[in-house]
């Protein structure tokens, strides 16, 4: 009611003071935005209104602030862990995370937007099932997505309700387990990132460890042994309801595109919020073994690089560690993708390194090729969109790409890619003109005079060779694309984007 009165008074003031119209409308929009935000928060509260307990989502927040540090493995002592998972504050935080992550619906077709309304009616029943140890998750929907190397990665998309419950479990378990993980593990952990992993690898190389043992685990997420994994979980947690629920998520099965349900007897299906934490728990034994042997290593999920001083030592480490992974963890090392080599011949998380005494980070060749493939897709002629729209889509991708690869230390590559992108756009523009007459008019409009105008417009060479002509570069200079909103990679790099 008060918010409505405020909005009304603001609008009334706008009618009496015309020159303040823009400022007043902005104030009214902010008031309406606050009302919308309050309604959304009320929805979240209504979804869990039958519960009692703390209102603050303490587990999720503390997990995000938790710095990973090396501590001895310790088992959980709480046998009422499920009550902690089901606390209203923790569940509301989990619901908020699922809503922010969005994602596709599972086999039941329920969307993220429909979840709060469903919970308002059905959460008391599901809460009792969780506390009683009788909750049964639905099978996940299987989806295959292409991998950068040309293969396919299988995703298992749980129902949104199961995703929320997994997220609630993650918030509690990660806070308990993460401090006990190795300091050499960087994947899927709070306050740890791929950049930190790459920087640590760079430090090892600079110290004189010029040989890398690059280990690749073959289909790791699909081959995790459930019994071994649950044994690791049971060492840490004593609440049998939590153990039973984790096992149920692992064994829920997947539904293929033809509707056939396939049981999952091994693996931690990618797609659920809990899978990354379970994968880190599974590979914690590998981290501890490498630490016990005194190796310098970096692990990000199933990518593990060990740095040694000689090739002979690298071959010995490759054999012994591969044997440990096979016998102890029941996993398989991909011999084709694993190798003992110098670091500048290998890639790690999209980066490689120069061969200098003080190595610099550079973008791996495969990462550059993937970048070019994506740019070609965004700038292909048959998209049927304007140049302005094409550049808008391209600019969004470039900023996101630089948000990660801007960490490299060889800026020359950005200058080369900038030149290639603009030549590509000139080629697209040339193709869009189609006829010699259209090209003649377009070039004249852009300020090209005779005789260059006639020579270029009626040139019989192909679009790509012509895109490299200096005359076309004068017609469509870099400043032209700057005006259309296309960012320069080298400028983003210097700005630290």
Protein backbone atom coordinates (compact mmCIF):
# COMPACT_ATOMS: atom_id res chain seq x y z
CA UNK A 1 0.00 0.00 0.00
CA UNK A 2 2.76 2.43 0.96
CA UNK A 3 4.71 1.58 -2.18
CA UNK A 4 1.62 2.28 -4.26
CA UNK A 5 1.13 5.69 -2.60
CA UNK A 6 4.75 6.54 -3.24
CA UNK A 7 4.42 5.59 -6.89
CA UNK A 8 1.25 7.65 -7.22
CA UNK A 9 2.85 10.72 -5.66
CA UNK A 10 5.83 10.39 -7.95
CA UNK A 11 3.61 10.22 -11.03
CA UNK A 12 1.59 13.19 -9.84
CA UNK A 13 4.76 15.22 -9.40
CA UNK A 14 5.77 14.29 -12.96
CA UNK A 15 2.62 15.94 -14.33
CA UNK A 16 3.26 19.22 -12.52
CA UNK A 17 7.00 19.45 -13.21
CA UNK A 18 7.56 18.55 -16.89
CA UNK A 19 11.31 19.11 -16.94
CA UNK A 20 11.76 16.44 -14.22
CA UNK A 21 9.93 13.76 -16.19
CA UNK A 22 12.89 11.48 -16.91
CA UNK A 23 14.17 11.53 -13.32
CA UNK A 24 10.69 10.87 -11.92
CA UNK A 25 9.97 8.00 -14.28
CA UNK A 26 13.24 6.39 -13.23
CA UNK A 27 12.23 6.73 -9.57
CA UNK A 28 8.83 5.16 -10.28
CA UNK A 29 10.52 2.26 -12.09
CA UNK A 30 12.77 1.66 -9.10
CA UNK A 31 9.74 1.60 -6.79
CA UNK A 32 7.96 -0.91 -9.03
CA UNK A 33 11.15 -2.98 -9.21
CA UNK A 34 11.32 -3.13 -5.41
CA UNK A 35 7.69 -4.29 -5.30
CA UNK A 36 8.47 -7.04 -7.84
CA UNK A 37 11.53 -8.13 -5.84
CA UNK A 38 9.47 -8.29 -2.64
CA UNK A 39 6.82 -10.42 -4.35
CA UNK A 40 9.54 -12.83 -5.55
CA UNK A 41 11.00 -13.11 -2.04
CA UNK A 42 7.52 -13.75 -0.65
CA UNK A 43 7.12 -16.58 -3.16
CA UNK A 44 10.28 -18.21 -1.85
CA UNK A 45 9.07 -17.87 1.74
CA UNK A 46 5.66 -19.33 0.89
CA UNK A 47 7.30 -22.34 -0.68
CA UNK A 48 8.79 -23.33 2.69
CA UNK A 49 6.26 -21.64 5.03
CA UNK A 50 5.41 -24.90 6.83
CA UNK A 51 8.96 -25.36 8.12
CA UNK A 52 10.61 -24.06 11.24
CA UNK A 53 14.18 -23.01 11.78
CA UNK A 54 16.65 -20.33 10.87
CA UNK A 55 15.76 -17.88 8.12
CA UNK A 56 19.33 -17.13 7.03
CA UNK A 57 20.88 -19.18 4.23
CA UNK A 58 24.03 -19.55 6.27
CA UNK A 59 25.33 -22.73 4.66
CA UNK A 60 25.39 -21.44 1.10
CA UNK A 61 27.01 -18.13 2.02
CA UNK A 62 29.64 -19.68 4.25
CA UNK A 63 30.48 -22.22 1.55
CA UNK A 64 31.18 -19.42 -0.94
CA UNK A 65 33.47 -17.69 1.56
CA UNK A 66 35.29 -20.87 2.57
CA UNK A 67 38.94 -20.91 1.48
CA UNK A 68 40.27 -24.35 0.69
CA UNK A 69 43.05 -25.47 3.03
CA UNK A 70 44.77 -28.75 3.65
CA UNK A 71 43.51 -30.61 6.69
CA UNK A 72 43.36 -34.30 7.57
CA UNK A 73 40.30 -36.16 6.35
CA UNK A 74 37.70 -36.37 9.07
CA UNK A 75 34.35 -38.07 9.19
CA UNK A 76 31.17 -36.19 9.95
CA UNK A 77 29.83 -36.58 13.45
CA UNK A 78 26.28 -35.37 12.90
CA UNK A 79 23.61 -38.03 12.53
CA UNK A 80 21.00 -35.32 11.95
CA UNK A 81 22.55 -33.97 8.78
CA UNK A 82 19.29 -34.25 6.85
CA UNK A 83 17.63 -31.81 9.25
CA UNK A 84 20.39 -29.34 8.51
CA UNK A 85 19.89 -29.82 4.77
CA UNK A 86 16.13 -29.27 5.08
CA UNK A 87 16.38 -26.03 7.06
CA UNK A 88 14.21 -23.30 5.50
CA UNK A 89 17.10 -20.90 4.94
CA UNK A 90 19.22 -23.55 3.23
CA UNK A 91 16.34 -24.69 0.99
CA UNK A 92 15.46 -21.13 -0.01
CA UNK A 93 19.07 -20.49 -0.91
CA UNK A 94 19.12 -23.70 -2.97
CA UNK A 95 15.94 -22.65 -4.78
CA UNK A 96 17.45 -19.26 -5.55
CA UNK A 97 20.60 -20.89 -6.98
CA UNK A 98 18.54 -23.20 -9.21
CA UNK A 99 16.48 -20.25 -10.45
CA UNK A 100 19.58 -18.22 -11.23
CA UNK A 101 21.22 -21.13 -13.07
CA UNK A 102 18.01 -21.65 -15.09
CA UNK A 103 18.56 -24.76 -17.18
CA UNK A 104 16.28 -27.09 -19.12
CA UNK A 105 13.46 -29.14 -17.53
CA UNK A 106 13.87 -32.81 -16.68
CA UNK A 107 11.69 -35.73 -17.72
CA UNK A 108 8.63 -34.35 -15.89
CA UNK A 109 8.66 -31.17 -18.01
CA UNK A 110 8.58 -28.84 -15.00
CA UNK A 111 10.45 -25.57 -15.62
CA UNK A 112 12.39 -23.48 -13.13
CA UNK A 113 9.64 -20.83 -13.19
CA UNK A 114 7.02 -23.41 -12.21
CA UNK A 115 9.03 -24.77 -9.28
CA UNK A 116 8.04 -22.20 -6.56
CA UNK A 117 4.33 -22.78 -7.24
CA UNK A 118 4.82 -26.54 -7.07
CA UNK A 119 6.75 -26.28 -3.81
CA UNK A 120 4.04 -24.14 -2.21
CA UNK A 121 1.64 -27.10 -2.50
CA UNK A 122 3.94 -30.12 -2.29
CA UNK A 123 7.04 -29.22 -0.25
CA UNK A 124 5.67 -30.51 3.13
CA UNK A 125 5.24 -33.96 1.57
CA UNK A 126 8.72 -34.01 0.04
CA UNK A 127 10.27 -32.71 3.26
CA UNK A 128 8.74 -35.58 5.21
CA UNK A 129 10.07 -38.01 2.61
CA UNK A 130 13.59 -36.57 2.96
CA UNK A 131 13.49 -36.67 6.77
CA UNK A 132 12.06 -40.18 6.70
CA UNK A 133 14.61 -41.45 4.20
CA UNK A 134 11.97 -42.44 1.62
CA UNK A 135 12.50 -39.78 -1.06
CA UNK A 136 13.06 -41.27 -4.53
CA UNK A 137 14.57 -39.05 -7.23
CA UNK A 138 13.35 -39.33 -10.82
CA UNK A 139 15.62 -40.54 -13.63
CA UNK A 140 17.55 -37.79 -15.37
CA UNK A 141 17.01 -36.78 -18.98
CA UNK A 142 19.98 -37.63 -21.17
CA UNK A 143 21.37 -35.03 -23.55
CA UNK A 144 24.48 -35.27 -25.71
CA UNK A 145 26.46 -32.14 -26.50
CA UNK A 146 29.47 -31.84 -28.82
CA UNK A 147 32.97 -31.67 -27.33
CA UNK A 148 35.71 -29.37 -28.68
CA UNK A 149 37.72 -32.38 -29.89
CA UNK A 150 34.84 -33.61 -32.04
CA UNK A 151 33.42 -36.20 -29.65
CA UNK A 152 30.26 -36.00 -27.58
CA UNK A 153 29.69 -35.45 -23.88
CA UNK A 154 26.69 -37.02 -22.20
CA UNK A 155 24.76 -34.81 -19.80
CA UNK A 156 22.15 -36.06 -17.38
CA UNK A 157 19.58 -33.35 -16.67
CA UNK A 158 17.72 -34.00 -13.38
CA UNK A 159 14.23 -32.68 -12.70
CA UNK A 160 14.20 -29.19 -11.21
CA UNK A 161 13.02 -30.52 -7.83
CA UNK A 162 15.91 -33.00 -7.71
CA UNK A 163 18.30 -30.21 -8.75
CA UNK A 164 17.11 -28.09 -5.84
CA UNK A 165 17.57 -30.94 -3.35
CA UNK A 166 21.04 -31.70 -4.73
CA UNK A 167 21.93 -28.01 -4.45
CA UNK A 168 20.77 -27.97 -0.81
CA UNK A 169 22.94 -31.01 -0.10
CA UNK A 170 25.88 -29.40 -1.89
CA UNK A 171 25.68 -26.26 0.25
CA UNK A 172 25.93 -28.26 3.46
CA UNK A 173 28.38 -30.97 2.36
CA UNK A 174 30.78 -28.64 0.57
CA UNK A 175 31.20 -26.55 3.68
CA UNK A 176 32.07 -29.71 5.63
CA UNK A 177 34.29 -31.42 3.05
CA UNK A 178 36.03 -28.67 1.13
CA UNK A 179 38.51 -27.65 3.89
CA UNK A 180 39.83 -31.22 3.92
CA UNK A 181 40.63 -31.35 0.19
CA UNK A 182 44.15 -30.92 -1.17
CA UNK A 183 45.57 -27.47 -1.82
CA UNK A 184 46.58 -28.77 -5.28
CA UNK A 185 42.93 -29.29 -6.31
CA UNK A 186 41.26 -26.32 -8.04
CA UNK A 187 38.17 -27.62 -9.82
CA UNK A 188 34.62 -26.82 -8.65
CA UNK A 189 35.70 -25.37 -5.32
CA UNK A 190 34.82 -22.06 -3.62
CA UNK A 191 37.32 -19.26 -4.18
CA UNK A 192 39.38 -21.42 -6.56
CA UNK A 193 39.55 -21.06 -10.32
CA UNK A 194 41.11 -22.25 -13.56
CA UNK A 195 43.35 -19.19 -13.60
CA UNK A 196 44.82 -20.14 -10.23
CA UNK A 197 45.52 -23.65 -11.50
CA UNK A 198 47.29 -22.30 -14.60
CA UNK A 199 49.33 -19.87 -12.49
CA UNK A 200 50.45 -22.69 -10.16
CA UNK A 201 51.52 -24.80 -13.17
CA UNK A 202 53.50 -21.81 -14.45
CA UNK A 203 55.29 -21.54 -11.09
CA UNK A 204 56.36 -25.19 -11.22
CA UNK A 205 57.78 -24.75 -14.73
CA UNK A 206 59.65 -21.59 -13.71
CA UNK A 207 61.23 -23.54 -10.84
CA UNK A 208 62.92 -25.84 -13.36
CA UNK A 209 60.37 -28.63 -13.75
CA UNK A 210 60.47 -28.63 -17.54
CA UNK A 211 58.69 -31.95 -18.13
CA UNK A 212 54.95 -32.46 -17.61
CA UNK A 213 53.16 -35.74 -17.04
CA UNK A 214 49.78 -34.93 -18.57
CA UNK A 215 47.21 -37.45 -17.31
CA UNK A 216 43.81 -37.77 -18.98
CA UNK A 217 41.19 -39.98 -17.31
CA UNK A 218 39.05 -41.73 -19.89
CA UNK A 219 35.34 -40.90 -19.42
CA UNK A 220 35.93 -40.18 -15.75
CA UNK A 221 32.43 -38.97 -14.88
CA UNK A 222 30.90 -42.03 -16.57
CA UNK A 223 33.14 -44.60 -14.86
CA UNK A 224 33.26 -43.71 -11.17
CA UNK A 225 32.71 -46.87 -9.12
CA UNK A 226 29.65 -46.30 -6.90
CA UNK A 227 30.79 -48.65 -4.12
CA UNK A 228 34.19 -46.98 -3.83
CA UNK A 229 32.62 -43.52 -3.91
CA UNK A 230 30.00 -44.35 -1.27
CA UNK A 231 32.75 -45.80 0.91
CA UNK A 232 34.46 -42.40 0.80
CA UNK A 233 31.18 -40.66 1.67
CA UNK A 234 30.48 -43.06 4.56
CA UNK A 235 33.86 -42.21 6.09
CA UNK A 236 32.78 -38.59 6.34
CA UNK A 237 29.07 -38.74 7.11
CA UNK A 238 27.07 -40.92 9.51
CA UNK A 239 23.49 -39.90 8.66
CA UNK A 240 22.18 -42.98 6.84
CA UNK A 241 19.39 -40.96 5.21
CA UNK A 242 21.98 -38.78 3.46
CA UNK A 243 23.98 -41.83 2.37
CA UNK A 244 20.84 -43.47 1.04
CA UNK A 245 19.81 -40.33 -0.85
CA UNK A 246 23.22 -39.89 -2.49
CA UNK A 247 23.14 -43.53 -3.58
CA UNK A 248 19.61 -42.99 -4.94
CA UNK A 249 20.78 -40.02 -7.02
CA UNK A 250 23.66 -42.09 -8.39
CA UNK A 251 21.38 -45.02 -9.27
CA UNK A 252 18.39 -42.99 -10.52
CA UNK A 253 19.13 -43.84 -14.14
CA UNK A 254 18.81 -41.80 -17.31
CA UNK A 255 16.05 -41.53 -19.90
CA UNK A 256 17.24 -41.69 -23.50
CA UNK A 257 15.73 -39.60 -26.30
CA UNK A 258 13.57 -42.56 -27.35
CA UNK A 259 12.12 -42.83 -23.83
CA UNK A 260 14.05 -45.91 -22.72
CA UNK A 261 15.25 -45.77 -19.08
CA UNK A 262 18.82 -46.99 -18.62
CA UNK A 263 20.05 -47.74 -15.07
CA UNK A 264 23.28 -46.04 -13.96
CA UNK A 265 25.43 -48.64 -12.27
CA UNK A 266 28.56 -46.49 -12.37
CA UNK A 267 29.55 -42.85 -12.84
CA UNK A 268 28.47 -39.50 -11.46
CA UNK A 269 26.27 -38.13 -14.25
CA UNK A 270 27.27 -34.62 -15.33
CA UNK A 271 24.43 -32.13 -15.01
CA UNK A 272 23.50 -32.39 -11.33
CA UNK A 273 24.83 -29.85 -8.78
CA UNK A 274 26.21 -32.61 -6.54
CA UNK A 275 28.36 -34.39 -9.17
CA UNK A 276 31.38 -32.02 -9.07
CA UNK A 277 31.70 -32.37 -5.28
CA UNK A 278 31.49 -36.17 -5.51
CA UNK A 279 34.13 -36.19 -8.25
CA UNK A 280 36.48 -34.18 -6.06
CA UNK A 281 35.88 -36.60 -3.21
CA UNK A 282 36.65 -39.54 -5.49
CA UNK A 283 39.93 -38.04 -6.70
CA UNK A 284 41.02 -36.86 -3.26
CA UNK A 285 42.80 -40.22 -2.85
CA UNK A 286 44.86 -39.44 -5.96
CA UNK A 287 45.78 -36.02 -4.53
CA UNK A 288 46.88 -37.57 -1.24
CA UNK A 289 48.97 -40.21 -2.99
CA UNK A 290 50.74 -37.59 -5.11
CA UNK A 291 51.37 -35.48 -2.01
CA UNK A 292 52.74 -38.52 -0.17
CA UNK A 293 55.20 -39.06 -3.02
CA UNK A 294 56.24 -35.42 -2.92
CA UNK A 295 55.16 -34.55 -6.47
CA UNK A 296 54.53 -31.05 -7.77
CA UNK A 297 51.13 -31.28 -9.42
CA UNK A 298 47.97 -29.38 -10.29
CA UNK A 299 44.55 -30.96 -10.67
CA UNK A 300 41.39 -29.38 -12.06
CA UNK A 301 38.57 -31.93 -11.99
CA UNK A 302 39.84 -34.88 -14.08
CA UNK A 303 42.72 -32.88 -15.65
CA UNK A 304 45.91 -33.63 -13.72
CA UNK A 305 49.40 -32.37 -14.59
CA UNK A 306 52.51 -33.51 -12.69
CA UNK A 307 55.74 -31.54 -13.19
CA UNK A 308 59.17 -33.22 -13.00
CA UNK A 309 62.72 -32.32 -14.07
CA UNK A 310 63.62 -35.10 -16.53
CA UNK A 311 61.84 -37.18 -19.15
CA UNK A 312 63.05 -40.39 -17.49
CA UNK A 313 61.43 -39.34 -14.22
CA UNK A 314 58.28 -38.43 -16.15
CA UNK A 315 58.01 -41.88 -17.73
CA UNK A 316 58.47 -43.52 -14.33
CA UNK A 317 55.79 -41.29 -12.75
CA UNK A 318 53.40 -41.96 -15.64
CA UNK A 319 53.62 -45.72 -15.14
CA UNK A 320 53.36 -45.74 -11.35
CA UNK A 321 50.51 -43.19 -11.13
CA UNK A 322 48.58 -44.91 -13.94
CA UNK A 323 48.85 -48.16 -12.00
CA UNK A 324 47.54 -46.48 -8.85
CA UNK A 325 44.57 -45.00 -10.72
CA UNK A 326 43.70 -48.33 -12.31
CA UNK A 327 44.08 -50.56 -9.25
CA UNK A 328 43.05 -48.26 -6.42
CA UNK A 329 40.37 -46.06 -7.99
CA UNK A 330 39.17 -48.51 -10.67
CA UNK A 331 39.49 -45.81 -13.32
CA UNK A 332 41.20 -45.86 -16.70
CA UNK A 333 43.94 -43.59 -18.05
CA UNK A 334 43.50 -42.59 -21.69
CA UNK A 335 46.87 -43.54 -23.17
CA UNK A 336 46.22 -41.72 -26.44
CA UNK A 337 45.57 -38.35 -24.81
CA UNK A 338 48.05 -38.71 -21.93
CA UNK A 339 51.71 -37.95 -22.53
CA UNK A 340 55.10 -37.09 -21.05
CA UNK A 341 56.33 -33.97 -22.85
CA UNK A 342 57.60 -30.43 -22.46
CA UNK A 343 54.84 -28.05 -21.25
CA UNK A 344 54.89 -25.84 -24.38
CA UNK A 345 53.82 -28.84 -26.45
CA UNK A 346 50.80 -29.54 -24.24
CA UNK A 347 47.71 -27.60 -23.22
CA UNK A 348 46.21 -27.18 -19.77
CA UNK A 349 42.75 -25.64 -19.34
CA UNK A 350 43.02 -23.90 -22.72
CA UNK A 351 46.48 -22.44 -22.04
CA UNK A 352 50.02 -23.42 -22.89
CA UNK A 353 53.38 -21.86 -22.04
CA UNK A 354 56.36 -20.41 -23.85
CA UNK A 355 59.71 -22.24 -23.74
CA UNK A 356 61.54 -19.33 -22.11
CA UNK A 357 63.36 -19.67 -18.81
CA UNK A 358 60.63 -17.56 -17.24
CA UNK A 359 57.64 -19.07 -19.09
CA UNK A 360 54.72 -16.92 -20.14
CA UNK A 361 51.13 -18.02 -20.46
CA UNK A 362 49.83 -18.26 -24.01
CA UNK A 363 46.60 -19.44 -25.59
CA UNK A 364 46.78 -23.06 -26.74
CA UNK A 365 46.50 -23.62 -30.49
CA UNK A 366 43.34 -25.72 -30.12
CA UNK A 367 41.70 -22.94 -28.12
CA UNK A 368 42.51 -20.47 -30.89
CA UNK A 369 41.01 -22.79 -33.49
CA UNK A 370 37.82 -23.17 -31.44
CA UNK A 371 37.67 -19.37 -31.17
CA UNK A 372 37.91 -19.00 -34.94
CA UNK A 373 35.26 -21.66 -35.52
CA UNK A 374 32.86 -19.78 -33.26
CA UNK A 375 33.60 -16.44 -34.97
CA UNK A 376 32.99 -18.05 -38.38
CA UNK A 377 29.65 -19.33 -37.11
CA UNK A 378 28.64 -15.89 -35.79
CA UNK A 379 29.68 -14.13 -39.01
CA UNK A 380 28.48 -16.58 -41.63
CA UNK A 381 26.64 -14.97 -44.53
CA UNK A 382 23.48 -17.13 -44.44
CA UNK A 383 22.45 -16.03 -40.93
CA UNK A 384 20.07 -13.52 -42.53
CA UNK A 385 20.72 -10.67 -40.08
CA UNK A 386 22.02 -7.13 -40.38
CA UNK A 387 25.66 -6.23 -39.89
CA UNK A 388 24.75 -4.33 -36.70
CA UNK A 389 23.06 -7.42 -35.20
CA UNK A 390 25.94 -9.62 -36.32
CA UNK A 391 28.45 -7.35 -34.60
CA UNK A 392 26.31 -7.15 -31.46
CA UNK A 393 26.33 -10.97 -31.13
CA UNK A 394 30.03 -11.09 -31.91
CA UNK A 395 30.86 -8.39 -29.35
CA UNK A 396 29.08 -10.34 -26.61
CA UNK A 397 31.09 -13.47 -27.40
CA UNK A 398 34.40 -11.58 -27.59
CA UNK A 399 33.93 -9.99 -24.17
CA UNK A 400 33.08 -13.34 -22.60
CA UNK A 401 36.03 -15.05 -24.29
CA UNK A 402 38.42 -12.34 -23.14
CA UNK A 403 37.08 -12.67 -19.61
CA UNK A 404 38.93 -15.98 -19.51
CA UNK A 405 41.71 -15.85 -22.10
CA UNK A 406 42.67 -12.29 -21.27
CA UNK A 407 44.85 -13.96 -18.63
CA UNK A 408 47.43 -14.86 -21.28
CA UNK A 409 50.77 -13.00 -21.42
CA UNK A 410 51.37 -12.89 -25.17
CA UNK A 411 49.29 -9.93 -26.42
CA UNK A 412 50.50 -10.28 -30.03
CA UNK A 413 47.90 -13.00 -30.55
CA UNK A 414 45.11 -10.51 -29.84
CA UNK A 415 46.40 -8.12 -32.51
CA UNK A 416 46.47 -10.99 -35.01
CA UNK A 417 42.94 -12.09 -34.10
CA UNK A 418 41.67 -8.50 -34.29
CA UNK A 419 43.01 -8.19 -37.84
CA UNK A 420 41.51 -11.56 -38.82
CA UNK A 421 38.07 -10.71 -37.36
CA UNK A 422 37.87 -7.40 -39.23
CA UNK A 423 39.01 -9.00 -42.47
CA UNK A 424 36.31 -11.60 -41.95
CA UNK A 425 33.68 -8.85 -41.54
CA UNK A 426 34.91 -7.09 -44.67
CA UNK A 427 34.53 -10.38 -46.51
CA UNK A 428 30.96 -10.73 -45.20
CA UNK A 429 30.10 -7.19 -46.28
CA UNK A 430 31.52 -7.84 -49.75
CA UNK A 431 29.39 -10.97 -50.08
CA UNK A 432 26.26 -9.10 -48.92
CA UNK A 433 26.68 -6.54 -51.71
CA UNK A 434 26.39 -9.49 -54.14
CA UNK A 435 26.47 -7.66 -57.50
CA UNK A 436 29.07 -5.37 -59.05
CA UNK A 437 26.50 -2.58 -59.19
CA UNK A 438 25.76 -2.86 -55.46
CA UNK A 439 29.46 -2.96 -54.67
CA UNK A 440 30.08 0.12 -56.79
CA UNK A 441 27.35 2.06 -54.96
CA UNK A 442 28.45 0.81 -51.55
CA UNK A 443 32.11 1.70 -52.09
CA UNK A 444 31.26 5.14 -53.48
CA UNK A 445 29.05 5.82 -50.46
CA UNK A 446 31.98 4.90 -48.20
CA UNK A 447 34.20 7.48 -49.92
CA UNK A 448 36.19 5.45 -52.45
CA UNK A 449 36.90 7.44 -55.64
CA UNK A 450 37.96 6.51 -59.15
CA UNK A 451 39.96 4.70 -60.43
CA UNK A 452 40.13 2.51 -57.32
CA UNK A 453 36.33 2.44 -57.13
CA UNK A 454 35.85 0.87 -60.57
CA UNK A 455 38.82 -1.51 -60.25
CA UNK A 456 37.61 -2.94 -56.93
CA UNK A 457 33.87 -3.06 -57.66
CA UNK A 458 34.39 -5.05 -60.89
CA UNK A 459 37.27 -7.23 -59.64
CA UNK A 460 36.75 -10.91 -60.49
CA UNK A 461 38.71 -12.34 -57.58
CA UNK A 462 37.02 -14.16 -54.72
CA UNK A 463 35.62 -12.49 -51.57
CA UNK A 464 38.40 -13.62 -49.22
CA UNK A 465 41.33 -12.34 -51.36
CA UNK A 466 39.47 -9.07 -51.94
CA UNK A 467 38.86 -8.67 -48.18
CA UNK A 468 42.64 -8.25 -47.84
CA UNK A 469 42.88 -5.37 -50.36
CA UNK A 470 43.97 -2.05 -48.92
CA UNK A 471 41.22 -0.23 -50.83
CA UNK A 472 38.50 -2.22 -49.05
CA UNK A 473 40.32 -1.60 -45.74
CA UNK A 474 40.10 2.15 -46.46
CA UNK A 475 36.38 1.80 -47.21
CA UNK A 476 35.75 -0.28 -44.05
CA UNK A 477 38.48 0.79 -41.61
CA UNK A 478 38.79 -0.41 -38.05
CA UNK A 479 37.12 2.82 -36.89
CA UNK A 480 34.01 1.83 -38.89
CA UNK A 481 33.62 -1.35 -36.83
CA UNK A 482 34.45 0.56 -33.65
CA UNK A 483 31.47 2.82 -34.38
CA UNK A 484 29.27 -0.25 -34.78
CA UNK A 485 30.26 -1.41 -31.28
CA UNK A 486 32.82 -4.12 -32.07
CA UNK A 487 35.44 -4.23 -29.28
CA UNK A 488 39.11 -4.73 -30.03
CA UNK A 489 40.67 -7.69 -28.22
CA UNK A 490 43.93 -5.84 -27.64
CA UNK A 491 42.05 -2.93 -26.03
CA UNK A 492 40.13 -5.32 -23.77
CA UNK A 493 43.43 -6.98 -22.85
CA UNK A 494 45.06 -3.69 -21.91
CA UNK A 495 42.00 -2.69 -19.92
CA UNK A 496 42.27 -5.93 -17.96
CA UNK A 497 38.82 -7.19 -19.02
